[in-house]
């Protein structure tokens, strides 16, 4: 999950192994949560820079549905510009301030959230 509230970013694969970072309200901020299944490391990036890293993270179970902007009963207030899902640990610093073509190697899903309003992509 990845949630934003109270000037803090919280992200994790479960409720006990969580990374946190800071952000400024009303300012565009790129947030990326990366999990590397080979190294068992989880990294939170803010604006392309490593904010926090945890090691020895348990492998996540993959849910049937990917919920974006929601953590349980909590919903995000704000705007989401895009969503990227990779099958490898991508170079976040190289991509954080660029739109992708959508055909990059190892990019599994790419959602540009600029098609209007709604609850589903």
Foldseek 3Di string as FASTA:
>chain_A
DWADDPQKIWDDLDDPDIDMDGDDPPDDKFWDWDAAPVQRKIFIDIQQHTGDMDGPHDDHDDDPDDDDQDDPPHGHDDDDAKDWDFPHGDNCNVPRPHDDPQPDPRTDDIGGPPPDDDDDD
